[in-house]
Amino acid sequence: MQAKNTHTILIILAVVFTNCGFSQVYNTQVAAKIDMQQYGDVIQITGSAINKTSSSQSLRYILSVIKNNSSNSNNSNNKQRGRFVLDLGEKKNLSSTTINSKDKDRIIILLLVYDENDKLLGMERMVINGTEEDLKLEDAENEQKESLRNTSPDASEKEADGVVLRGVVIEETKTKPGRDFYKMFYSLYAANNVDGDEIVTVKEVLAINNNTKIEIFVATEKVVEFFIRPQDEYLKTMSEISIKRVYWFLQKIKQDKNLKKYY
């Protein structure tokens, strides 16, 4: 977005908490980039990707625009997907969408870029009309980056080329019961300070007889699967079971990485 337009919207880079321990580093091989331009009352959002490697890459992307209405708790999620190839050193625009700059809802813009094996390589996240919590996340990220520069030259050099992400939970639900489950699950995730090294995805998919089911992935591994029922008690029980399985799987990944590093 041009500099003269920066005062019209609040954009917060909320790349969550950084920690160089065993976290996955993104944007080192393929960088995801969100560009914004304002034309009158319309903001145009363009997602792009940059190949930082010396070979061509076969990739896919998801560009999500998630709108949170604080007054009635309604959420909308507009997604654009596609596959593409990047030559070495190439930057390519992937998809564009527009929003109204007068909209006062909190809007999250998320671009994810995966390789052909569904490994997440690039990510960028922006928030428009961010909350106080978004500001805290930005401050936490800046403090952690400064700490890395002062304590570990190798880590800060590594981070300069990429982004370290922790505690990311992505929602891909379709129905109200699905969204209700996600809210219960994420509430437990936050309350228990899970803060996992891998991205957790809560996905709702179509099942038999027009029913839907929840699938929860840690990175690319499916760790939970069950059919949705609209009863609150059932969703509460399944969220408690799910958070335990997700936490166990995240711990297993961490232990495996520790063993690999030791040997």
C-alpha atoms as a PDB file:
ATOM      1  CA  MET A   1       0.000   0.000   0.000  1.00  0.00           C
ATOM      2  CA  GLN A   2       1.265   3.480  -0.820  1.00  0.00           C
ATOM      3  CA  ALA A   3       2.637   5.537   2.061  1.00  0.00           C
ATOM      4  CA  LYS A   4       0.009   8.256   1.742  1.00  0.00           C
ATOM      5  CA  ASN A   5      -2.717   5.717   2.448  1.00  0.00           C
ATOM      6  CA  THR A   6      -1.189   4.150   5.525  1.00  0.00           C
ATOM      7  CA  HIS A   7      -3.086   6.440   7.917  1.00  0.00           C
ATOM      8  CA  THR A   8      -6.472   5.227   6.670  1.00  0.00           C
ATOM      9  CA  ILE A   9      -6.254   1.658   7.965  1.00  0.00           C
ATOM     10  CA  LEU A  10      -4.605  -0.083  10.877  1.00  0.00           C
ATOM     11  CA  ILE A  11      -2.488  -3.025   9.731  1.00  0.00           C
ATOM     12  CA  ILE A  12      -0.822  -5.201  12.310  1.00  0.00           C
ATOM     13  CA  LEU A  13       1.616  -7.932  11.432  1.00  0.00           C
ATOM     14  CA  ALA A  14       0.526 -10.559  13.926  1.00  0.00           C
ATOM     15  CA  VAL A  15       2.986 -13.376  13.239  1.00  0.00           C
ATOM     16  CA  VAL A  16       2.331 -14.695  16.745  1.00  0.00           C
ATOM     17  CA  PHE A  17       5.089 -15.543  19.205  1.00  0.00           C
ATOM     18  CA  THR A  18       8.580 -16.216  17.906  1.00  0.00           C
ATOM     19  CA  ASN A  19      10.911 -18.739  19.422  1.00  0.00           C
ATOM     20  CA  CYS A  20      13.943 -20.202  17.712  1.00  0.00           C
ATOM     21  CA  GLY A  21      13.928 -23.474  19.721  1.00  0.00           C
ATOM     22  CA  PHE A  22      12.405 -26.157  17.516  1.00  0.00           C
ATOM     23  CA  SER A  23       9.840 -23.974  15.721  1.00  0.00           C
ATOM     24  CA  GLN A  24       9.316 -24.233  12.001  1.00  0.00           C
ATOM     25  CA  VAL A  25      10.762 -21.282  10.092  1.00  0.00           C
ATOM     26  CA  TYR A  26       8.679 -19.968   7.199  1.00  0.00           C
ATOM     27  CA  ASN A  27       9.370 -17.666   4.234  1.00  0.00           C
ATOM     28  CA  THR A  28      12.959 -18.881   3.836  1.00  0.00           C
ATOM     29  CA  GLN A  29      12.505 -20.913   0.623  1.00  0.00           C
ATOM     30  CA  VAL A  30       9.290 -19.355  -0.652  1.00  0.00           C
ATOM     31  CA  ALA A  31       8.086 -16.087   0.856  1.00  0.00           C
ATOM     32  CA  ALA A  32       4.388 -15.215   1.047  1.00  0.00           C
ATOM     33  CA  LYS A  33       3.590 -11.538   0.645  1.00  0.00           C
ATOM     34  CA  ILE A  34       0.371  -9.529   1.076  1.00  0.00           C
ATOM     35  CA  ASP A  35       0.236  -6.172  -0.732  1.00  0.00           C
ATOM     36  CA  MET A  36      -2.498  -3.596  -0.167  1.00  0.00           C
ATOM     37  CA  GLN A  37      -3.535  -0.628  -2.313  1.00  0.00           C
ATOM     38  CA  GLN A  38      -6.375   1.775  -1.570  1.00  0.00           C
ATOM     39  CA  TYR A  39      -8.569   3.291  -4.280  1.00  0.00           C
ATOM     40  CA  GLY A  40     -11.154   5.607  -2.751  1.00  0.00           C
ATOM     41  CA  ASP A  41     -13.273   3.531  -0.367  1.00  0.00           C
ATOM     42  CA  VAL A  42     -11.930   0.229  -1.709  1.00  0.00           C
ATOM     43  CA  ILE A  43      -8.819  -1.609  -0.509  1.00  0.00           C
ATOM     44  CA  GLN A  44      -7.372  -4.072  -3.004  1.00  0.00           C
ATOM     45  CA  ILE A  45      -5.550  -7.027  -1.459  1.00  0.00           C
ATOM     46  CA  THR A  46      -3.074  -8.983  -3.584  1.00  0.00           C
ATOM     47  CA  GLY A  47      -1.286 -12.120  -2.464  1.00  0.00           C
ATOM     48  CA  SER A  48       2.047 -12.949  -4.053  1.00  0.00           C
ATOM     49  CA  ALA A  49       4.901 -15.408  -3.636  1.00  0.00           C
ATOM     50  CA  ILE A  50       8.660 -15.139  -4.148  1.00  0.00           C
ATOM     51  CA  ASN A  51      10.923 -18.091  -4.895  1.00  0.00           C
ATOM     52  CA  LYS A  52      14.138 -17.667  -2.878  1.00  0.00           C
ATOM     53  CA  THR A  53      15.669 -20.957  -4.009  1.00  0.00           C
ATOM     54  CA  SER A  54      17.798 -21.794  -7.044  1.00  0.00           C
ATOM     55  CA  SER A  55      15.260 -24.183  -8.581  1.00  0.00           C
ATOM     56  CA  SER A  56      11.662 -24.034  -9.778  1.00  0.00           C
ATOM     57  CA  GLN A  57       8.901 -24.824  -7.274  1.00  0.00           C
ATOM     58  CA  SER A  58       5.473 -26.424  -7.780  1.00  0.00           C
ATOM     59  CA  LEU A  59       3.179 -24.841  -5.191  1.00  0.00           C
ATOM     60  CA  ARG A  60      -0.355 -24.102  -4.070  1.00  0.00           C
ATOM     61  CA  TYR A  61      -1.814 -21.209  -2.098  1.00  0.00           C
ATOM     62  CA  ILE A  62      -4.791 -20.254   0.057  1.00  0.00           C
ATOM     63  CA  LEU A  63      -5.674 -16.567   0.451  1.00  0.00           C
ATOM     64  CA  SER A  64      -8.265 -16.052   3.218  1.00  0.00           C
ATOM     65  CA  VAL A  65     -10.107 -12.875   4.211  1.00  0.00           C
ATOM     66  CA  ILE A  66     -11.749 -13.513   7.582  1.00  0.00           C
ATOM     67  CA  LYS A  67     -14.176 -10.924   8.915  1.00  0.00           C
ATOM     68  CA  ASN A  68     -15.071 -10.858  12.639  1.00  0.00           C
ATOM     69  CA  ASN A  69     -18.167  -8.844  13.574  1.00  0.00           C
ATOM     70  CA  SER A  70     -17.794  -7.949  17.258  1.00  0.00           C
ATOM     71  CA  SER A  71     -21.386  -6.756  17.629  1.00  0.00           C
ATOM     72  CA  ASN A  72     -23.117 -10.030  16.669  1.00  0.00           C
ATOM     73  CA  SER A  73     -20.249 -12.595  16.776  1.00  0.00           C
ATOM     74  CA  ASN A  74     -20.787 -13.456  13.100  1.00  0.00           C
ATOM     75  CA  ASN A  75     -17.731 -14.532  11.122  1.00  0.00           C
ATOM     76  CA  SER A  76     -17.244 -14.828   7.375  1.00  0.00           C
ATOM     77  CA  ASN A  77     -14.330 -16.464   5.598  1.00  0.00           C
ATOM     78  CA  ASN A  78     -13.694 -15.798   1.916  1.00  0.00           C
ATOM     79  CA  LYS A  79     -11.054 -18.124   0.472  1.00  0.00           C
ATOM     80  CA  GLN A  80      -9.278 -18.227  -2.857  1.00  0.00           C
ATOM     81  CA  ARG A  81      -7.115 -21.201  -3.813  1.00  0.00           C
ATOM     82  CA  GLY A  82      -4.911 -22.200  -6.692  1.00  0.00           C
ATOM     83  CA  ARG A  83      -1.821 -24.007  -7.922  1.00  0.00           C
ATOM     84  CA  PHE A  84       1.151 -22.375  -9.591  1.00  0.00           C
ATOM     85  CA  VAL A  85       4.816 -22.794 -10.502  1.00  0.00           C
ATOM     86  CA  LEU A  86       7.594 -20.379  -9.550  1.00  0.00           C
ATOM     87  CA  ASP A  87      10.849 -20.286 -11.446  1.00  0.00           C
ATOM     88  CA  LEU A  88      14.057 -19.538  -9.573  1.00  0.00           C
ATOM     89  CA  GLY A  89      14.025 -16.014  -8.157  1.00  0.00           C
ATOM     90  CA  GLU A  90      10.553 -15.328  -9.592  1.00  0.00           C
ATOM     91  CA  LYS A  91       7.842 -13.265  -7.875  1.00  0.00           C
ATOM     92  CA  LYS A  92       4.261 -13.955  -8.966  1.00  0.00           C
ATOM     93  CA  ASN A  93       0.912 -12.401  -8.046  1.00  0.00           C
ATOM     94  CA  LEU A  94      -1.449 -15.204  -7.035  1.00  0.00           C
ATOM     95  CA  SER A  95      -4.852 -13.716  -6.325  1.00  0.00           C
ATOM     96  CA  SER A  96      -6.613 -10.426  -5.587  1.00  0.00           C
ATOM     97  CA  THR A  97      -9.701  -9.453  -3.630  1.00  0.00           C
ATOM     98  CA  THR A  98     -11.237  -6.201  -2.375  1.00  0.00           C
ATOM     99  CA  ILE A  99     -12.771  -4.923   0.861  1.00  0.00           C
ATOM    100  CA  ASN A 100     -14.508  -1.687   1.830  1.00  0.00           C
ATOM    101  CA  SER A 101     -12.213   0.655   3.765  1.00  0.00           C
ATOM    102  CA  LYS A 102     -15.233   1.990   5.703  1.00  0.00           C
ATOM    103  CA  ASP A 103     -15.866  -1.447   7.189  1.00  0.00           C
ATOM    104  CA  LYS A 104     -15.147  -1.288  10.934  1.00  0.00           C
ATOM    105  CA  ASP A 105     -15.105  -5.061  11.490  1.00  0.00           C
ATOM    106  CA  ARG A 106     -11.852  -6.761  12.443  1.00  0.00           C
ATOM    107  CA  ILE A 107     -10.523  -8.310   9.232  1.00  0.00           C
ATOM    108  CA  ILE A 108      -7.776 -10.937   9.143  1.00  0.00           C
ATOM    109  CA  ILE A 109      -5.933 -11.507   5.864  1.00  0.00           C
ATOM    110  CA  LEU A 110      -3.974 -14.759   5.731  1.00  0.00           C
ATOM    111  CA  LEU A 111      -1.840 -16.069   2.868  1.00  0.00           C
ATOM    112  CA  LEU A 112      -0.478 -19.622   3.043  1.00  0.00           C
ATOM    113  CA  VAL A 113       1.836 -21.167   0.437  1.00  0.00           C
ATOM    114  CA  TYR A 114       2.404 -24.955   0.375  1.00  0.00           C
ATOM    115  CA  ASP A 115       4.707 -27.170  -1.663  1.00  0.00           C
ATOM    116  CA  GLU A 116       3.473 -30.173  -3.652  1.00  0.00           C
ATOM    117  CA  ASN A 117       3.799 -32.340  -0.510  1.00  0.00           C
ATOM    118  CA  ASP A 118       1.527 -29.970   1.441  1.00  0.00           C
ATOM    119  CA  LYS A 119       4.375 -28.640   3.549  1.00  0.00           C
ATOM    120  CA  LEU A 120       3.787 -25.027   4.533  1.00  0.00           C
ATOM    121  CA  LEU A 121       6.648 -22.897   3.173  1.00  0.00           C
ATOM    122  CA  GLY A 122       5.338 -19.331   3.250  1.00  0.00           C
ATOM    123  CA  MET A 123       2.919 -17.393   5.420  1.00  0.00           C
ATOM    124  CA  GLU A 124       1.881 -13.810   5.983  1.00  0.00           C
ATOM    125  CA  ARG A 125      -0.929 -12.531   8.199  1.00  0.00           C
ATOM    126  CA  MET A 126      -2.309  -9.013   8.508  1.00  0.00           C
ATOM    127  CA  VAL A 127      -5.084  -7.548  10.613  1.00  0.00           C
ATOM    128  CA  ILE A 128      -7.187  -4.505   9.756  1.00  0.00           C
ATOM    129  CA  ASN A 129      -8.996  -2.712  12.599  1.00  0.00           C
ATOM    130  CA  GLY A 130      -6.982  -4.795  15.034  1.00  0.00           C
ATOM    131  CA  THR A 131      -7.815  -5.161  18.707  1.00  0.00           C
ATOM    132  CA  GLU A 132      -5.643  -4.451  21.733  1.00  0.00           C
ATOM    133  CA  GLU A 133      -4.709  -8.142  21.701  1.00  0.00           C
ATOM    134  CA  ASP A 134      -3.341  -7.762  18.160  1.00  0.00           C
ATOM    135  CA  LEU A 135      -1.148  -4.902  19.328  1.00  0.00           C
ATOM    136  CA  LYS A 136       0.149  -7.054  22.178  1.00  0.00           C
ATOM    137  CA  LEU A 137       1.039  -9.818  19.714  1.00  0.00           C
ATOM    138  CA  GLU A 138       2.962  -7.344  17.575  1.00  0.00           C
ATOM    139  CA  ASP A 139       4.820  -6.027  20.638  1.00  0.00           C
ATOM    140  CA  ALA A 140       5.643  -9.591  21.741  1.00  0.00           C
ATOM    141  CA  GLU A 141       7.056 -10.388  18.313  1.00  0.00           C
ATOM    142  CA  ASN A 142       9.209  -7.241  18.267  1.00  0.00           C
ATOM    143  CA  GLU A 143      10.544  -7.943  21.776  1.00  0.00           C
ATOM    144  CA  GLN A 144      11.405 -11.515  20.842  1.00  0.00           C
ATOM    145  CA  LYS A 145      13.215 -10.402  17.687  1.00  0.00           C
ATOM    146  CA  GLU A 146      15.257  -7.925  19.700  1.00  0.00           C
ATOM    147  CA  SER A 147      16.078 -10.634  22.224  1.00  0.00           C
ATOM    148  CA  LEU A 148      17.258 -12.931  19.448  1.00  0.00           C
ATOM    149  CA  ARG A 149      19.525 -10.237  18.030  1.00  0.00           C
ATOM    150  CA  ASN A 150      21.136  -9.669  21.430  1.00  0.00           C
ATOM    151  CA  THR A 151      21.581 -13.288  22.473  1.00  0.00           C
ATOM    152  CA  SER A 152      22.065 -15.378  19.361  1.00  0.00           C
ATOM    153  CA  PRO A 153      23.659 -13.995  16.186  1.00  0.00           C
ATOM    154  CA  ASP A 154      22.957 -17.221  14.336  1.00  0.00           C
ATOM    155  CA  ALA A 155      19.277 -17.170  15.294  1.00  0.00           C
ATOM    156  CA  SER A 156      18.783 -13.519  14.347  1.00  0.00           C
ATOM    157  CA  GLU A 157      20.504 -14.113  11.002  1.00  0.00           C
ATOM    158  CA  LYS A 158      18.221 -17.049  10.374  1.00  0.00           C
ATOM    159  CA  GLU A 159      15.152 -15.064  11.316  1.00  0.00           C
ATOM    160  CA  ALA A 160      16.118 -12.207   9.023  1.00  0.00           C
ATOM    161  CA  ASP A 161      15.402 -14.523   6.093  1.00  0.00           C
ATOM    162  CA  GLY A 162      12.187 -15.978   7.465  1.00  0.00           C
ATOM    163  CA  VAL A 163       9.505 -15.963  10.135  1.00  0.00           C
ATOM    164  CA  VAL A 164       9.225 -18.314  13.105  1.00  0.00           C
ATOM    165  CA  LEU A 165       5.632 -19.107  14.001  1.00  0.00           C
ATOM    166  CA  ARG A 166       4.119 -20.642  17.106  1.00  0.00           C
ATOM    167  CA  GLY A 167       0.616 -21.137  18.424  1.00  0.00           C
ATOM    168  CA  VAL A 168      -1.194 -20.858  15.068  1.00  0.00           C
ATOM    169  CA  VAL A 169      -4.667 -22.436  14.832  1.00  0.00           C
ATOM    170  CA  ILE A 170      -6.446 -22.128  11.472  1.00  0.00           C
ATOM    171  CA  GLU A 171     -10.234 -22.404  11.163  1.00  0.00           C
ATOM    172  CA  GLU A 172     -11.854 -23.947   8.079  1.00  0.00           C
ATOM    173  CA  THR A 173     -15.442 -24.547   9.228  1.00  0.00           C
ATOM    174  CA  LYS A 174     -18.694 -24.428   7.263  1.00  0.00           C
ATOM    175  CA  THR A 175     -21.605 -24.532   9.746  1.00  0.00           C
ATOM    176  CA  LYS A 176     -22.576 -22.950  13.062  1.00  0.00           C
ATOM    177  CA  PRO A 177     -21.898 -26.186  15.034  1.00  0.00           C
ATOM    178  CA  GLY A 178     -18.498 -26.325  13.343  1.00  0.00           C
ATOM    179  CA  ARG A 179     -17.728 -22.742  14.333  1.00  0.00           C
ATOM    180  CA  ASP A 180     -18.992 -23.406  17.863  1.00  0.00           C
ATOM    181  CA  PHE A 181     -16.633 -26.371  18.165  1.00  0.00           C
ATOM    182  CA  TYR A 182     -13.713 -24.295  16.880  1.00  0.00           C
ATOM    183  CA  LYS A 183     -14.390 -21.587  19.494  1.00  0.00           C
ATOM    184  CA  MET A 184     -14.498 -24.200  22.293  1.00  0.00           C
ATOM    185  CA  PHE A 185     -11.345 -25.913  21.013  1.00  0.00           C
ATOM    186  CA  TYR A 186      -9.414 -22.670  20.580  1.00  0.00           C
ATOM    187  CA  SER A 187     -10.499 -21.464  24.021  1.00  0.00           C
ATOM    188  CA  LEU A 188      -8.943 -24.606  25.532  1.00  0.00           C
ATOM    189  CA  TYR A 189      -5.852 -24.225  23.322  1.00  0.00           C
ATOM    190  CA  ALA A 190      -5.294 -20.691  24.618  1.00  0.00           C
ATOM    191  CA  ALA A 191      -6.265 -21.410  28.233  1.00  0.00           C
ATOM    192  CA  ASN A 192      -3.802 -24.315  28.442  1.00  0.00           C
ATOM    193  CA  ASN A 193      -0.960 -22.322  26.825  1.00  0.00           C
ATOM    194  CA  VAL A 194      -0.420 -25.056  24.249  1.00  0.00           C
ATOM    195  CA  ASP A 195       1.550 -22.667  21.977  1.00  0.00           C
ATOM    196  CA  GLY A 196       2.595 -25.489  19.637  1.00  0.00           C
ATOM    197  CA  ASP A 197       5.496 -25.399  17.182  1.00  0.00           C
ATOM    198  CA  GLU A 198       3.283 -26.704  14.355  1.00  0.00           C
ATOM    199  CA  ILE A 199       0.205 -25.183  12.739  1.00  0.00           C
ATOM    200  CA  VAL A 200      -3.081 -26.745  13.861  1.00  0.00           C
ATOM    201  CA  THR A 201      -5.954 -26.743  11.352  1.00  0.00           C
ATOM    202  CA  VAL A 202      -9.584 -27.340  12.371  1.00  0.00           C
ATOM    203  CA  LYS A 203     -11.356 -28.352   9.170  1.00  0.00           C
ATOM    204  CA  GLU A 204     -15.041 -29.174   8.639  1.00  0.00           C
ATOM    205  CA  VAL A 205     -15.748 -31.405   5.629  1.00  0.00           C
ATOM    206  CA  LEU A 206     -18.824 -32.940   4.040  1.00  0.00           C
ATOM    207  CA  ALA A 207     -19.642 -36.508   5.077  1.00  0.00           C
ATOM    208  CA  ILE A 208     -22.340 -39.066   4.243  1.00  0.00           C
ATOM    209  CA  ASN A 209     -26.028 -38.056   4.124  1.00  0.00           C
ATOM    210  CA  ASN A 210     -25.182 -34.322   3.983  1.00  0.00           C
ATOM    211  CA  ASN A 211     -23.640 -34.473   7.429  1.00  0.00           C
ATOM    212  CA  THR A 212     -20.314 -32.864   8.226  1.00  0.00           C
ATOM    213  CA  LYS A 213     -17.369 -33.988  10.273  1.00  0.00           C
ATOM    214  CA  ILE A 214     -14.455 -32.286  11.972  1.00  0.00           C
ATOM    215  CA  GLU A 215     -10.887 -33.150  11.020  1.00  0.00           C
ATOM    216  CA  ILE A 216      -8.018 -31.676  13.036  1.00  0.00           C
ATOM    217  CA  PHE A 217      -4.536 -31.629  11.528  1.00  0.00           C
ATOM    218  CA  VAL A 218      -1.231 -30.950  13.235  1.00  0.00           C
ATOM    219  CA  ALA A 219       0.975 -29.854  10.343  1.00  0.00           C
ATOM    220  CA  THR A 220      -0.128 -32.392   7.682  1.00  0.00           C
ATOM    221  CA  GLU A 221      -1.047 -35.231  10.075  1.00  0.00           C
ATOM    222  CA  LYS A 222      -4.717 -35.866  10.875  1.00  0.00           C
ATOM    223  CA  VAL A 223      -4.974 -36.490  14.626  1.00  0.00           C
ATOM    224  CA  VAL A 224      -8.730 -36.116  15.293  1.00  0.00           C
ATOM    225  CA  GLU A 225     -11.833 -36.978  13.266  1.00  0.00           C
ATOM    226  CA  PHE A 226     -15.497 -37.096  14.328  1.00  0.00           C
ATOM    227  CA  PHE A 227     -19.007 -36.352  13.063  1.00  0.00           C
ATOM    228  CA  ILE A 228     -20.566 -33.036  14.076  1.00  0.00           C
ATOM    229  CA  ARG A 229     -23.652 -32.897  16.280  1.00  0.00           C
ATOM    230  CA  PRO A 230     -25.176 -29.539  17.272  1.00  0.00           C
ATOM    231  CA  GLN A 231     -25.511 -30.306  21.006  1.00  0.00           C
ATOM    232  CA  ASP A 232     -23.307 -28.021  23.121  1.00  0.00           C
ATOM    233  CA  GLU A 233     -22.444 -30.758  25.626  1.00  0.00           C
ATOM    234  CA  TYR A 234     -21.291 -33.063  22.835  1.00  0.00           C
ATOM    235  CA  LEU A 235     -19.149 -30.321  21.274  1.00  0.00           C
ATOM    236  CA  LYS A 236     -17.687 -29.479  24.674  1.00  0.00           C
ATOM    237  CA  THR A 237     -16.759 -33.123  25.287  1.00  0.00           C
ATOM    238  CA  MET A 238     -15.195 -33.456  21.832  1.00  0.00           C
ATOM    239  CA  SER A 239     -13.210 -30.255  22.288  1.00  0.00           C
ATOM    240  CA  GLU A 240     -11.754 -31.607  25.545  1.00  0.00           C
ATOM    241  CA  ILE A 241     -10.848 -34.929  23.893  1.00  0.00           C
ATOM    242  CA  SER A 242      -9.403 -33.142  20.858  1.00  0.00           C
ATOM    243  CA  ILE A 243      -7.175 -30.758  22.798  1.00  0.00           C
ATOM    244  CA  LYS A 244      -5.625 -33.700  24.672  1.00  0.00           C
ATOM    245  CA  ARG A 245      -4.851 -35.537  21.416  1.00  0.00           C
ATOM    246  CA  VAL A 246      -3.442 -32.419  19.768  1.00  0.00           C
ATOM    247  CA  TYR A 247      -1.293 -31.636  22.809  1.00  0.00           C
ATOM    248  CA  TRP A 248       0.019 -35.222  22.913  1.00  0.00           C
ATOM    249  CA  PHE A 249       0.884 -35.136  19.205  1.00  0.00           C
ATOM    250  CA  LEU A 250       2.673 -31.775  19.518  1.00  0.00           C
ATOM    251  CA  GLN A 251       4.720 -33.168  22.407  1.00  0.00           C
ATOM    252  CA  LYS A 252       5.588 -36.246  20.339  1.00  0.00           C
ATOM    253  CA  ILE A 253       6.841 -34.041  17.489  1.00  0.00           C
ATOM    254  CA  LYS A 254       8.955 -32.032  19.921  1.00  0.00           C
ATOM    255  CA  GLN A 255      10.466 -35.195  21.429  1.00  0.00           C
ATOM    256  CA  ASP A 256      11.276 -36.554  17.959  1.00  0.00           C
ATOM    257  CA  LYS A 257      13.030 -33.312  17.041  1.00  0.00           C
ATOM    258  CA  ASN A 258      14.982 -33.416  20.283  1.00  0.00           C
ATOM    259  CA  LEU A 259      16.142 -36.954  19.526  1.00  0.00           C
ATOM    260  CA  LYS A 260      17.177 -36.021  15.991  1.00  0.00           C
ATOM    261  CA  LYS A 261      19.153 -33.057  17.276  1.00  0.00           C
ATOM    262  CA  TYR A 262      20.868 -35.200  19.926  1.00  0.00           C
ATOM    263  CA  TYR A 263      21.948 -37.833  17.444  1.00  0.00           C
END
